[in-house]
PDB file of N, CA and C in Angstrom:
ATOM      1  N   MET A   1      51.829  -0.926 -21.055  1.00  0.00           N
ATOM      2  CA  MET A   1      50.697  -0.604 -21.923  1.00  0.00           C
ATOM      3  C   MET A   1      49.530  -1.580 -21.685  1.00  0.00           C
ATOM      4  N   LYS A   2      49.882  -2.876 -21.589  1.00  0.00           N
ATOM      5  CA  LYS A   2      48.834  -3.880 -21.354  1.00  0.00           C
ATOM      6  C   LYS A   2      48.151  -3.666 -19.995  1.00  0.00           C
ATOM      7  N   LYS A   3      48.919  -3.164 -19.049  1.00  0.00           N
ATOM      8  CA  LYS A   3      48.379  -2.902 -17.713  1.00  0.00           C
ATOM      9  C   LYS A   3      47.298  -1.802 -17.801  1.00  0.00           C
ATOM     10  N   TRP A   4      47.572  -0.752 -18.569  1.00  0.00           N
ATOM     11  CA  TRP A   4      46.617   0.346 -18.706  1.00  0.00           C
ATOM     12  C   TRP A   4      45.340  -0.095 -19.448  1.00  0.00           C
ATOM     13  N   ILE A   5      45.504  -0.951 -20.444  1.00  0.00           N
ATOM     14  CA  ILE A   5      44.334  -1.464 -21.160  1.00  0.00           C
ATOM     15  C   ILE A   5      43.483  -2.314 -20.201  1.00  0.00           C
ATOM     16  N   SER A   6      44.105  -3.081 -19.355  1.00  0.00           N
ATOM     17  CA  SER A   6      43.381  -3.903 -18.391  1.00  0.00           C
ATOM     18  C   SER A   6      42.637  -3.003 -17.379  1.00  0.00           C
ATOM     19  N   ILE A   7      43.278  -1.951 -16.936  1.00  0.00           N
ATOM     20  CA  ILE A   7      42.647  -1.023 -15.982  1.00  0.00           C
ATOM     21  C   ILE A   7      41.460  -0.330 -16.633  1.00  0.00           C
ATOM     22  N   ILE A   8      41.618   0.177 -17.839  1.00  0.00           N
ATOM     23  CA  ILE A   8      40.519   0.865 -18.539  1.00  0.00           C
ATOM     24  C   ILE A   8      39.378  -0.105 -18.814  1.00  0.00           C
ATOM     25  N   THR A   9      39.704  -1.321 -19.228  1.00  0.00           N
ATOM     26  CA  THR A   9      38.659  -2.334 -19.471  1.00  0.00           C
ATOM     27  C   THR A   9      37.889  -2.625 -18.174  1.00  0.00           C
ATOM     28  N   GLY A  10      38.604  -2.745 -17.070  1.00  0.00           N
ATOM     29  CA  GLY A  10      37.969  -2.987 -15.775  1.00  0.00           C
ATOM     30  C   GLY A  10      37.042  -1.852 -15.380  1.00  0.00           C
ATOM     31  N   ILE A  11      37.470  -0.614 -15.609  1.00  0.00           N
ATOM     32  CA  ILE A  11      36.628   0.547 -15.290  1.00  0.00           C
ATOM     33  C   ILE A  11      35.373   0.579 -16.141  1.00  0.00           C
ATOM     34  N   VAL A  12      35.520   0.266 -17.427  1.00  0.00           N
ATOM     35  CA  VAL A  12      34.371   0.236 -18.327  1.00  0.00           C
ATOM     36  C   VAL A  12      33.377  -0.852 -17.875  1.00  0.00           C
ATOM     37  N   ILE A  13      33.890  -2.029 -17.542  1.00  0.00           N
ATOM     38  CA  ILE A  13      33.028  -3.121 -17.082  1.00  0.00           C
ATOM     39  C   ILE A  13      32.307  -2.741 -15.801  1.00  0.00           C
ATOM     40  N   LEU A  14      33.002  -2.145 -14.848  1.00  0.00           N
ATOM     41  CA  LEU A  14      32.347  -1.698 -13.603  1.00  0.00           C
ATOM     42  C   LEU A  14      31.288  -0.639 -13.876  1.00  0.00           C
ATOM     43  N   GLY A  15      31.574   0.263 -14.827  1.00  0.00           N
ATOM     44  CA  GLY A  15      30.593   1.280 -15.191  1.00  0.00           C
ATOM     45  C   GLY A  15      29.346   0.677 -15.779  1.00  0.00           C
ATOM     46  N   ILE A  16      29.513  -0.307 -16.646  1.00  0.00           N
ATOM     47  CA  ILE A  16      28.336  -0.962 -17.257  1.00  0.00           C
ATOM     48  C   ILE A  16      27.540  -1.706 -16.181  1.00  0.00           C
ATOM     49  N   ILE A  17      28.222  -2.400 -15.285  1.00  0.00           N
ATOM     50  CA  ILE A  17      27.527  -3.094 -14.183  1.00  0.00           C
ATOM     51  C   ILE A  17      26.765  -2.088 -13.316  1.00  0.00           C
ATOM     52  N   GLY A  18      27.389  -0.953 -13.047  1.00  0.00           N
ATOM     53  CA  GLY A  18      26.720   0.085 -12.247  1.00  0.00           C
ATOM     54  C   GLY A  18      25.472   0.628 -12.934  1.00  0.00           C
ATOM     55  N   ILE A  19      25.543   0.863 -14.235  1.00  0.00           N
ATOM     56  CA  ILE A  19      24.387   1.367 -14.966  1.00  0.00           C
ATOM     57  C   ILE A  19      23.267   0.339 -14.987  1.00  0.00           C
ATOM     58  N   VAL A  20      23.591  -0.912 -15.238  1.00  0.00           N
ATOM     59  CA  VAL A  20      22.577  -1.983 -15.222  1.00  0.00           C
ATOM     60  C   VAL A  20      21.934  -2.080 -13.868  1.00  0.00           C
ATOM     61  N   TYR A  21      22.711  -2.029 -12.798  1.00  0.00           N
ATOM     62  CA  TYR A  21      22.175  -2.086 -11.445  1.00  0.00           C
ATOM     63  C   TYR A  21      21.250  -0.903 -11.199  1.00  0.00           C
ATOM     64  N   PHE A  22      21.685   0.292 -11.592  1.00  0.00           N
ATOM     65  CA  PHE A  22      20.893   1.499 -11.408  1.00  0.00           C
ATOM     66  C   PHE A  22      19.554   1.426 -12.149  1.00  0.00           C
ATOM     67  N   GLU A  23      19.589   0.924 -13.374  1.00  0.00           N
ATOM     68  CA  GLU A  23      18.377   0.805 -14.196  1.00  0.00           C
ATOM     69  C   GLU A  23      17.401  -0.216 -13.586  1.00  0.00           C
ATOM     70  N   ASN A  24      17.910  -1.249 -12.960  1.00  0.00           N
ATOM     71  CA  ASN A  24      17.050  -2.323 -12.448  1.00  0.00           C
ATOM     72  C   ASN A  24      16.622  -2.128 -11.001  1.00  0.00           C
ATOM     73  N   THR A  25      17.055  -1.087 -10.331  1.00  0.00           N
ATOM     74  CA  THR A  25      16.648  -0.874  -8.934  1.00  0.00           C
ATOM     75  C   THR A  25      16.030   0.497  -8.697  1.00  0.00           C
ATOM     76  N   THR A  26      16.061   1.378  -9.707  1.00  0.00           N
ATOM     77  CA  THR A  26      15.539   2.718  -9.523  1.00  0.00           C
ATOM     78  C   THR A  26      14.612   3.057 -10.683  1.00  0.00           C
ATOM     79  N   ILE A  27      14.231   4.306 -10.801  1.00  0.00           N
ATOM     80  CA  ILE A  27      13.357   4.738 -11.884  1.00  0.00           C
ATOM     81  C   ILE A  27      14.071   4.760 -13.215  1.00  0.00           C
ATOM     82  N   GLY A  28      15.372   4.671 -13.211  1.00  0.00           N
ATOM     83  CA  GLY A  28      16.118   4.661 -14.451  1.00  0.00           C
ATOM     84  C   GLY A  28      16.912   5.932 -14.649  1.00  0.00           C
ATOM     85  N   LEU A  29      17.744   5.927 -15.643  1.00  0.00           N
ATOM     86  CA  LEU A  29      18.662   7.043 -15.885  1.00  0.00           C
ATOM     87  C   LEU A  29      17.968   8.268 -16.457  1.00  0.00           C
ATOM     88  N   LYS A  30      17.122   8.112 -17.469  1.00  0.00           N
ATOM     89  CA  LYS A  30      16.473   9.260 -18.104  1.00  0.00           C
ATOM     90  C   LYS A  30      15.559  10.020 -17.130  1.00  0.00           C
ATOM     91  N   PRO A  31      14.644   9.334 -16.393  1.00  0.00           N
ATOM     92  CA  PRO A  31      13.815  10.085 -15.456  1.00  0.00           C
ATOM     93  C   PRO A  31      14.628  10.760 -14.356  1.00  0.00           C
ATOM     94  N   THR A  32      15.737  10.144 -13.962  1.00  0.00           N
ATOM     95  CA  THR A  32      16.597  10.775 -12.943  1.00  0.00           C
ATOM     96  C   THR A  32      17.198  12.053 -13.457  1.00  0.00           C
ATOM     97  N   ILE A  33      17.711  12.030 -14.688  1.00  0.00           N
ATOM     98  CA  ILE A  33      18.274  13.239 -15.285  1.00  0.00           C
ATOM     99  C   ILE A  33      17.200  14.283 -15.486  1.00  0.00           C
ATOM    100  N   ASP A  34      15.998  13.882 -15.926  1.00  0.00           N
ATOM    101  CA  ASP A  34      14.885  14.814 -16.076  1.00  0.00           C
ATOM    102  C   ASP A  34      14.578  15.504 -14.762  1.00  0.00           C
ATOM    103  N   GLY A  35      14.587  14.736 -13.664  1.00  0.00           N
ATOM    104  CA  GLY A  35      14.297  15.289 -12.343  1.00  0.00           C
ATOM    105  C   GLY A  35      15.332  16.283 -11.882  1.00  0.00           C
ATOM    106  N   ILE A  36      16.579  16.082 -12.293  1.00  0.00           N
ATOM    107  CA  ILE A  36      17.642  17.022 -11.926  1.00  0.00           C
ATOM    108  C   ILE A  36      17.520  18.319 -12.742  1.00  0.00           C
ATOM    109  N   VAL A  37      17.214  18.190 -14.028  1.00  0.00           N
ATOM    110  CA  VAL A  37      17.143  19.351 -14.910  1.00  0.00           C
ATOM    111  C   VAL A  37      15.904  20.177 -14.629  1.00  0.00           C
ATOM    112  N   ASP A  38      14.750  19.527 -14.452  1.00  0.00           N
ATOM    113  CA  ASP A  38      13.490  20.242 -14.220  1.00  0.00           C
ATOM    114  C   ASP A  38      13.264  20.368 -12.714  1.00  0.00           C
ATOM    115  N   ASP A  39      13.428  21.551 -12.169  1.00  0.00           N
ATOM    116  CA  ASP A  39      13.373  21.729 -10.729  1.00  0.00           C
ATOM    117  C   ASP A  39      11.954  22.051 -10.197  1.00  0.00           C
ATOM    118  N   GLU A  40      10.961  22.023 -11.040  1.00  0.00           N
ATOM    119  CA  GLU A  40       9.613  22.379 -10.630  1.00  0.00           C
ATOM    120  C   GLU A  40       8.732  21.130 -10.584  1.00  0.00           C
ATOM    121  N   TYR A  41       8.003  20.945  -9.475  1.00  0.00           N
ATOM    122  CA  TYR A  41       7.046  19.865  -9.387  1.00  0.00           C
ATOM    123  C   TYR A  41       5.767  20.274 -10.109  1.00  0.00           C
ATOM    124  N   LYS A  42       5.258  19.393 -10.945  1.00  0.00           N
ATOM    125  CA  LYS A  42       4.011  19.668 -11.658  1.00  0.00           C
ATOM    126  C   LYS A  42       3.041  18.526 -11.366  1.00  0.00           C
ATOM    127  N   ALA A  43       1.765  18.879 -11.149  1.00  0.00           N
ATOM    128  CA  ALA A  43       0.748  17.874 -10.897  1.00  0.00           C
ATOM    129  C   ALA A  43       0.242  17.263 -12.205  1.00  0.00           C
ATOM    130  N   HIS A  44       0.240  15.949 -12.245  1.00  0.00           N
ATOM    131  CA  HIS A  44      -0.267  15.194 -13.385  1.00  0.00           C
ATOM    132  C   HIS A  44      -1.315  14.214 -12.844  1.00  0.00           C
ATOM    133  N   TYR A  45      -2.290  13.927 -13.645  1.00  0.00           N
ATOM    134  CA  TYR A  45      -3.311  12.970 -13.250  1.00  0.00           C
ATOM    135  C   TYR A  45      -3.071  11.675 -14.012  1.00  0.00           C
ATOM    136  N   VAL A  46      -3.059  10.559 -13.274  1.00  0.00           N
ATOM    137  CA  VAL A  46      -2.794   9.268 -13.860  1.00  0.00           C
ATOM    138  C   VAL A  46      -3.818   8.257 -13.365  1.00  0.00           C
ATOM    139  N   LYS A  47      -3.943   7.163 -14.095  1.00  0.00           N
ATOM    140  CA  LYS A  47      -4.819   6.072 -13.693  1.00  0.00           C
ATOM    141  C   LYS A  47      -3.979   4.809 -13.624  1.00  0.00           C
ATOM    142  N   THR A  48      -4.056   4.122 -12.518  1.00  0.00           N
ATOM    143  CA  THR A  48      -3.299   2.875 -12.386  1.00  0.00           C
ATOM    144  C   THR A  48      -3.970   1.761 -13.150  1.00  0.00           C
ATOM    145  N   LYS A  49      -3.140   0.842 -13.613  1.00  0.00           N
ATOM    146  CA  LYS A  49      -3.645  -0.325 -14.365  1.00  0.00           C
ATOM    147  C   LYS A  49      -2.950  -1.546 -13.790  1.00  0.00           C
ATOM    148  N   SER A  50      -3.460  -2.697 -14.143  1.00  0.00           N
ATOM    149  CA  SER A  50      -2.855  -3.932 -13.625  1.00  0.00           C
ATOM    150  C   SER A  50      -1.614  -4.325 -14.403  1.00  0.00           C
ATOM    151  N   ASP A  51      -1.317  -3.651 -15.517  1.00  0.00           N
ATOM    152  CA  ASP A  51      -0.183  -4.035 -16.339  1.00  0.00           C
ATOM    153  C   ASP A  51       0.824  -2.908 -16.591  1.00  0.00           C
ATOM    154  N   ASN A  52       0.783  -1.840 -15.811  1.00  0.00           N
ATOM    155  CA  ASN A  52       1.714  -0.743 -16.077  1.00  0.00           C
ATOM    156  C   ASN A  52       2.889  -0.698 -15.101  1.00  0.00           C
ATOM    157  N   TYR A  53       3.258  -1.864 -14.579  1.00  0.00           N
ATOM    158  CA  TYR A  53       4.410  -1.895 -13.682  1.00  0.00           C
ATOM    159  C   TYR A  53       5.274  -3.122 -13.989  1.00  0.00           C
ATOM    160  N   LYS A  54       6.504  -3.033 -13.476  1.00  0.00           N
ATOM    161  CA  LYS A  54       7.437  -4.149 -13.565  1.00  0.00           C
ATOM    162  C   LYS A  54       7.941  -4.405 -12.152  1.00  0.00           C
ATOM    163  N   LYS A  55       7.907  -5.654 -11.734  1.00  0.00           N
ATOM    164  CA  LYS A  55       8.431  -6.005 -10.416  1.00  0.00           C
ATOM    165  C   LYS A  55       9.948  -6.134 -10.509  1.00  0.00           C
ATOM    166  N   LEU A  56      10.631  -5.392  -9.662  1.00  0.00           N
ATOM    167  CA  LEU A  56      12.089  -5.370  -9.671  1.00  0.00           C
ATOM    168  C   LEU A  56      12.626  -6.520  -8.782  1.00  0.00           C
ATOM    169  N   TRP A  57      13.877  -6.847  -8.979  1.00  0.00           N
ATOM    170  CA  TRP A  57      14.475  -7.960  -8.253  1.00  0.00           C
ATOM    171  C   TRP A  57      14.537  -7.707  -6.754  1.00  0.00           C
ATOM    172  N   ASN A  58      14.512  -6.448  -6.330  1.00  0.00           N
ATOM    173  CA  ASN A  58      14.601  -6.127  -4.908  1.00  0.00           C
ATOM    174  C   ASN A  58      13.240  -6.036  -4.226  1.00  0.00           C
ATOM    175  N   GLY A  59      12.180  -6.426  -4.926  1.00  0.00           N
ATOM    176  CA  GLY A  59      10.832  -6.443  -4.348  1.00  0.00           C
ATOM    177  C   GLY A  59      10.028  -5.170  -4.601  1.00  0.00           C
ATOM    178  N   ASN A  60      10.646  -4.135  -5.137  1.00  0.00           N
ATOM    179  CA  ASN A  60       9.932  -2.902  -5.438  1.00  0.00           C
ATOM    180  C   ASN A  60       9.217  -3.022  -6.789  1.00  0.00           C
ATOM    181  N   TYR A  61       8.372  -2.042  -7.062  1.00  0.00           N
ATOM    182  CA  TYR A  61       7.616  -2.002  -8.316  1.00  0.00           C
ATOM    183  C   TYR A  61       7.936  -0.707  -9.050  1.00  0.00           C
ATOM    184  N   ARG A  62       8.278  -0.809 -10.337  1.00  0.00           N
ATOM    185  CA  ARG A  62       8.534   0.373 -11.167  1.00  0.00           C
ATOM    186  C   ARG A  62       7.301   0.598 -12.047  1.00  0.00           C
ATOM    187  N   TYR A  63       6.585   1.663 -11.780  1.00  0.00           N
ATOM    188  CA  TYR A  63       5.373   2.007 -12.526  1.00  0.00           C
ATOM    189  C   TYR A  63       5.721   3.002 -13.628  1.00  0.00           C
ATOM    190  N   THR A  64       5.121   2.802 -14.786  1.00  0.00           N
ATOM    191  CA  THR A  64       5.240   3.762 -15.882  1.00  0.00           C
ATOM    192  C   THR A  64       3.832   4.235 -16.213  1.00  0.00           C
ATOM    193  N   PHE A  65       3.592   5.512 -15.988  1.00  0.00           N
ATOM    194  CA  PHE A  65       2.280   6.099 -16.198  1.00  0.00           C
ATOM    195  C   PHE A  65       2.309   7.060 -17.382  1.00  0.00           C
ATOM    196  N   THR A  66       1.145   7.250 -17.981  1.00  0.00           N
ATOM    197  CA  THR A  66       0.931   8.353 -18.916  1.00  0.00           C
ATOM    198  C   THR A  66       0.042   9.325 -18.158  1.00  0.00           C
ATOM    199  N   GLY A  67       0.614  10.475 -17.818  1.00  0.00           N
ATOM    200  CA  GLY A  67      -0.110  11.466 -17.032  1.00  0.00           C
ATOM    201  C   GLY A  67      -0.475  12.682 -17.847  1.00  0.00           C
ATOM    202  N   TYR A  68      -1.484  13.405 -17.355  1.00  0.00           N
ATOM    203  CA  TYR A  68      -1.955  14.602 -18.023  1.00  0.00           C
ATOM    204  C   TYR A  68      -2.072  15.740 -17.006  1.00  0.00           C
ATOM    205  N   THR A  69      -1.653  16.915 -17.385  1.00  0.00           N
ATOM    206  CA  THR A  69      -1.813  18.096 -16.543  1.00  0.00           C
ATOM    207  C   THR A  69      -3.246  18.587 -16.628  1.00  0.00           C
ATOM    208  N   GLU A  70      -3.550  19.623 -15.870  1.00  0.00           N
ATOM    209  CA  GLU A  70      -4.908  20.179 -15.888  1.00  0.00           C
ATOM    210  C   GLU A  70      -5.320  20.635 -17.284  1.00  0.00           C
ATOM    211  N   ASP A  71      -4.349  21.144 -18.044  1.00  0.00           N
ATOM    212  CA  ASP A  71      -4.683  21.624 -19.387  1.00  0.00           C
ATOM    213  C   ASP A  71      -4.456  20.566 -20.458  1.00  0.00           C
ATOM    214  N   GLY A  72      -4.199  19.313 -20.054  1.00  0.00           N
ATOM    215  CA  GLY A  72      -4.156  18.197 -20.999  1.00  0.00           C
ATOM    216  C   GLY A  72      -2.791  17.881 -21.589  1.00  0.00           C
ATOM    217  N   LYS A  73      -1.704  18.490 -21.076  1.00  0.00           N
ATOM    218  CA  LYS A  73      -0.381  18.159 -21.595  1.00  0.00           C
ATOM    219  C   LYS A  73       0.007  16.748 -21.140  1.00  0.00           C
ATOM    220  N   LYS A  74       0.459  15.960 -22.100  1.00  0.00           N
ATOM    221  CA  LYS A  74       0.800  14.564 -21.852  1.00  0.00           C
ATOM    222  C   LYS A  74       2.241  14.445 -21.369  1.00  0.00           C
ATOM    223  N   GLN A  75       2.466  13.522 -20.408  1.00  0.00           N
ATOM    224  CA  GLN A  75       3.813  13.323 -19.872  1.00  0.00           C
ATOM    225  C   GLN A  75       3.962  11.872 -19.425  1.00  0.00           C
ATOM    226  N   LYS A  76       5.047  11.230 -19.840  1.00  0.00           N
ATOM    227  CA  LYS A  76       5.368   9.894 -19.329  1.00  0.00           C
ATOM    228  C   LYS A  76       6.013  10.085 -17.952  1.00  0.00           C
ATOM    229  N   ILE A  77       5.556   9.318 -16.976  1.00  0.00           N
ATOM    230  CA  ILE A  77       6.050   9.449 -15.598  1.00  0.00           C
ATOM    231  C   ILE A  77       6.439   8.065 -15.091  1.00  0.00           C
ATOM    232  N   VAL A  78       7.618   8.008 -14.491  1.00  0.00           N
ATOM    233  CA  VAL A  78       8.108   6.755 -13.908  1.00  0.00           C
ATOM    234  C   VAL A  78       8.260   6.936 -12.417  1.00  0.00           C
ATOM    235  N   ARG A  79       7.799   5.951 -11.646  1.00  0.00           N
ATOM    236  CA  ARG A  79       7.871   6.018 -10.187  1.00  0.00           C
ATOM    237  C   ARG A  79       8.113   4.628  -9.640  1.00  0.00           C
ATOM    238  N   VAL A  80       9.034   4.500  -8.689  1.00  0.00           N
ATOM    239  CA  VAL A  80       9.306   3.232  -8.018  1.00  0.00           C
ATOM    240  C   VAL A  80       8.676   3.303  -6.632  1.00  0.00           C
ATOM    241  N   THR A  81       7.971   2.263  -6.264  1.00  0.00           N
ATOM    242  CA  THR A  81       7.340   2.188  -4.943  1.00  0.00           C
ATOM    243  C   THR A  81       7.564   0.812  -4.358  1.00  0.00           C
ATOM    244  N   ASP A  82       7.408   0.721  -3.061  1.00  0.00           N
ATOM    245  CA  ASP A  82       7.656  -0.559  -2.385  1.00  0.00           C
ATOM    246  C   ASP A  82       6.404  -1.423  -2.262  1.00  0.00           C
ATOM    247  N   ARG A  83       5.301  -0.965  -2.821  1.00  0.00           N
ATOM    248  CA  ARG A  83       4.081  -1.757  -2.767  1.00  0.00           C
ATOM    249  C   ARG A  83       3.324  -1.673  -4.099  1.00  0.00           C
ATOM    250  N   GLU A  84       2.494  -2.646  -4.304  1.00  0.00           N
ATOM    251  CA  GLU A  84       1.693  -2.687  -5.516  1.00  0.00           C
ATOM    252  C   GLU A  84       0.491  -1.746  -5.343  1.00  0.00           C
ATOM    253  N   LEU A  85       0.215  -0.941  -6.354  1.00  0.00           N
ATOM    254  CA  LEU A  85      -0.891   0.004  -6.275  1.00  0.00           C
ATOM    255  C   LEU A  85      -2.183  -0.667  -6.734  1.00  0.00           C
ATOM    256  N   ARG A  86      -3.280  -0.197  -6.186  1.00  0.00           N
ATOM    257  CA  ARG A  86      -4.589  -0.720  -6.546  1.00  0.00           C
ATOM    258  C   ARG A  86      -4.914  -0.362  -7.986  1.00  0.00           C
ATOM    259  N   PRO A  87      -5.304  -1.382  -8.807  1.00  0.00           N
ATOM    260  CA  PRO A  87      -5.649  -1.096 -10.201  1.00  0.00           C
ATOM    261  C   PRO A  87      -6.866  -0.190 -10.327  1.00  0.00           C
ATOM    262  N   ASP A  88      -6.929   0.609 -11.383  1.00  0.00           N
ATOM    263  CA  ASP A  88      -8.057   1.499 -11.687  1.00  0.00           C
ATOM    264  C   ASP A  88      -8.258   2.620 -10.663  1.00  0.00           C
ATOM    265  N   ALA A  89      -7.184   3.008 -10.009  1.00  0.00           N
ATOM    266  CA  ALA A  89      -7.258   4.128  -9.071  1.00  0.00           C
ATOM    267  C   ALA A  89      -6.754   5.382  -9.801  1.00  0.00           C
ATOM    268  N   TYR A  90      -7.329   6.515  -9.445  1.00  0.00           N
ATOM    269  CA  TYR A  90      -6.875   7.790 -10.009  1.00  0.00           C
ATOM    270  C   TYR A  90      -5.930   8.450  -9.003  1.00  0.00           C
ATOM    271  N   LEU A  91      -4.792   8.921  -9.517  1.00  0.00           N
ATOM    272  CA  LEU A  91      -3.788   9.552  -8.672  1.00  0.00           C
ATOM    273  C   LEU A  91      -3.436  10.929  -9.191  1.00  0.00           C
ATOM    274  N   ARG A  92      -3.124  11.807  -8.283  1.00  0.00           N
ATOM    275  CA  ARG A  92      -2.515  13.081  -8.639  1.00  0.00           C
ATOM    276  C   ARG A  92      -1.018  12.888  -8.341  1.00  0.00           C
ATOM    277  N   MET A  93      -0.240  12.777  -9.407  1.00  0.00           N
ATOM    278  CA  MET A  93       1.187  12.473  -9.295  1.00  0.00           C
ATOM    279  C   MET A  93       1.970  13.760  -9.505  1.00  0.00           C
ATOM    280  N   TYR A  94       2.803  14.092  -8.535  1.00  0.00           N
ATOM    281  CA  TYR A  94       3.653  15.272  -8.666  1.00  0.00           C
ATOM    282  C   TYR A  94       5.005  14.793  -9.218  1.00  0.00           C
ATOM    283  N   ALA A  95       5.403  15.412 -10.323  1.00  0.00           N
ATOM    284  CA  ALA A  95       6.604  14.937 -11.023  1.00  0.00           C
ATOM    285  C   ALA A  95       7.518  16.089 -11.379  1.00  0.00           C
ATOM    286  N   GLN A  96       8.808  15.790 -11.390  1.00  0.00           N
ATOM    287  CA  GLN A  96       9.832  16.664 -11.931  1.00  0.00           C
ATOM    288  C   GLN A  96      10.262  16.024 -13.232  1.00  0.00           C
ATOM    289  N   GLY A  97       9.914  16.626 -14.346  1.00  0.00           N
ATOM    290  CA  GLY A  97      10.179  15.977 -15.621  1.00  0.00           C
ATOM    291  C   GLY A  97       9.399  14.684 -15.696  1.00  0.00           C
ATOM    292  N   SER A  98      10.068  13.583 -15.979  1.00  0.00           N
ATOM    293  CA  SER A  98       9.373  12.303 -16.035  1.00  0.00           C
ATOM    294  C   SER A  98       9.605  11.470 -14.771  1.00  0.00           C
ATOM    295  N   SER A  99      10.136  12.092 -13.727  1.00  0.00           N
ATOM    296  CA  SER A  99      10.390  11.426 -12.463  1.00  0.00           C
ATOM    297  C   SER A  99       9.271  11.711 -11.477  1.00  0.00           C
ATOM    298  N   GLY A 100       8.446  10.699 -11.207  1.00  0.00           N
ATOM    299  CA  GLY A 100       7.364  10.863 -10.231  1.00  0.00           C
ATOM    300  C   GLY A 100       7.921  10.940  -8.835  1.00  0.00           C
ATOM    301  N   GLN A 101       7.544  11.958  -8.095  1.00  0.00           N
ATOM    302  CA  GLN A 101       8.094  12.146  -6.759  1.00  0.00           C
ATOM    303  C   GLN A 101       7.155  11.657  -5.668  1.00  0.00           C
ATOM    304  N   TYR A 102       5.929  12.119  -5.699  1.00  0.00           N
ATOM    305  CA  TYR A 102       4.945  11.664  -4.715  1.00  0.00           C
ATOM    306  C   TYR A 102       3.554  11.787  -5.323  1.00  0.00           C
ATOM    307  N   TRP A 103       2.614  11.122  -4.670  1.00  0.00           N
ATOM    308  CA  TRP A 103       1.260  11.096  -5.230  1.00  0.00           C
ATOM    309  C   TRP A 103       0.247  11.070  -4.120  1.00  0.00           C
ATOM    310  N   GLU A 104      -0.991  11.333  -4.518  1.00  0.00           N
ATOM    311  CA  GLU A 104      -2.133  11.178  -3.625  1.00  0.00           C
ATOM    312  C   GLU A 104      -3.288  10.644  -4.461  1.00  0.00           C
ATOM    313  N   GLU A 105      -4.046   9.739  -3.839  1.00  0.00           N
ATOM    314  CA  GLU A 105      -5.204   9.205  -4.567  1.00  0.00           C
ATOM    315  C   GLU A 105      -6.310  10.234  -4.554  1.00  0.00           C
ATOM    316  N   VAL A 106      -6.987  10.398  -5.675  1.00  0.00           N
ATOM    317  CA  VAL A 106      -8.085  11.347  -5.817  1.00  0.00           C
ATOM    318  C   VAL A 106      -9.315  10.642  -6.366  1.00  0.00           C
ATOM    319  N   GLN A 107     -10.443  11.229  -6.125  1.00  0.00           N
ATOM    320  CA  GLN A 107     -11.680  10.691  -6.698  1.00  0.00           C
ATOM    321  C   GLN A 107     -11.838  11.195  -8.126  1.00  0.00           C
ATOM    322  N   LYS A 108     -12.599  10.458  -8.896  1.00  0.00           N
ATOM    323  CA  LYS A 108     -12.799  10.797 -10.301  1.00  0.00           C
ATOM    324  C   LYS A 108     -13.335  12.209 -10.483  1.00  0.00           C
ATOM    325  N   ASP A 109     -14.214  12.649  -9.593  1.00  0.00           N
ATOM    326  CA  ASP A 109     -14.812  13.991  -9.722  1.00  0.00           C
ATOM    327  C   ASP A 109     -13.842  15.129  -9.338  1.00  0.00           C
ATOM    328  N   GLU A 110     -12.680  14.795  -8.794  1.00  0.00           N
ATOM    329  CA  GLU A 110     -11.678  15.806  -8.436  1.00  0.00           C
ATOM    330  C   GLU A 110     -10.719  16.117  -9.597  1.00  0.00           C
ATOM    331  N   ILE A 111     -10.789  15.306 -10.662  1.00  0.00           N
ATOM    332  CA  ILE A 111      -9.882  15.471 -11.788  1.00  0.00           C
ATOM    333  C   ILE A 111     -10.456  16.471 -12.772  1.00  0.00           C
ATOM    334  N   PRO A 112      -9.671  17.431 -13.232  1.00  0.00           N
ATOM    335  CA  PRO A 112     -10.155  18.379 -14.223  1.00  0.00           C
ATOM    336  C   PRO A 112     -10.700  17.638 -15.460  1.00  0.00           C
ATOM    337  N   GLU A 113     -11.753  18.212 -16.042  1.00  0.00           N
ATOM    338  CA  GLU A 113     -12.478  17.557 -17.139  1.00  0.00           C
ATOM    339  C   GLU A 113     -11.591  17.162 -18.310  1.00  0.00           C
ATOM    340  N   TYR A 114     -10.717  18.059 -18.723  1.00  0.00           N
ATOM    341  CA  TYR A 114      -9.871  17.787 -19.875  1.00  0.00           C
ATOM    342  C   TYR A 114      -8.905  16.632 -19.609  1.00  0.00           C
ATOM    343  N   ALA A 115      -8.302  16.619 -18.425  1.00  0.00           N
ATOM    344  CA  ALA A 115      -7.385  15.503 -18.074  1.00  0.00           C
ATOM    345  C   ALA A 115      -8.155  14.212 -17.938  1.00  0.00           C
ATOM    346  N   LEU A 116      -9.361  14.235 -17.379  1.00  0.00           N
ATOM    347  CA  LEU A 116     -10.162  13.032 -17.217  1.00  0.00           C
ATOM    348  C   LEU A 116     -10.540  12.433 -18.565  1.00  0.00           C
ATOM    349  N   SER A 117     -10.859  13.299 -19.540  1.00  0.00           N
ATOM    350  CA  SER A 117     -11.227  12.782 -20.861  1.00  0.00           C
ATOM    351  C   SER A 117     -10.039  12.047 -21.506  1.00  0.00           C
ATOM    352  N   LYS A 118      -8.811  12.460 -21.219  1.00  0.00           N
ATOM    353  CA  LYS A 118      -7.647  11.804 -21.780  1.00  0.00           C
ATOM    354  C   LYS A 118      -7.343  10.481 -21.055  1.00  0.00           C
ATOM    355  N   LEU A 119      -7.742  10.351 -19.789  1.00  0.00           N
ATOM    356  CA  LEU A 119      -7.446   9.157 -19.021  1.00  0.00           C
ATOM    357  C   LEU A 119      -8.352   7.982 -19.344  1.00  0.00           C
ATOM    358  N   LYS A 120      -9.484   8.247 -19.942  1.00  0.00           N
ATOM    359  CA  LYS A 120     -10.451   7.166 -20.196  1.00  0.00           C
ATOM    360  C   LYS A 120     -10.035   6.279 -21.316  1.00  0.00           C
TER     361      LYS A 120
END
C-alpha cells in the first residue's frame, strides 16, 4: 500500500513540475486549449507596448495583448516570440482563440477605424 502511495505521489509531483515548466516556457495552458478548441484563425489588431511582455527563463518573450477585430470585438491574445518587439508598433495578429499564431506589422492607416479607436 505504501508503495502505491509513493508512486501516485511521484506522478502528481512530476505532473505539477510539467505544468509549471509548460507555463513558463510557452504561451500557457489556457491559450493552448483555446487554440485547440477554436480551429479558425481570426485577425485582431494590437499595439505593442514596452510593458506587455514577460521575459522567460529560456530567453523568449511572452507577450499579452488586448486585440480587437475589425468590428471591435475584444480578445486577450498571448504569443511567445524569440525577440523583443518594437514598442508602439501596430500589428495584425492572427489568433486561434487567445493563442496568437502569427502576425504582420501594419501602418496605422491600415487598421479599421473602429479597432483603431479601441487601441488608442
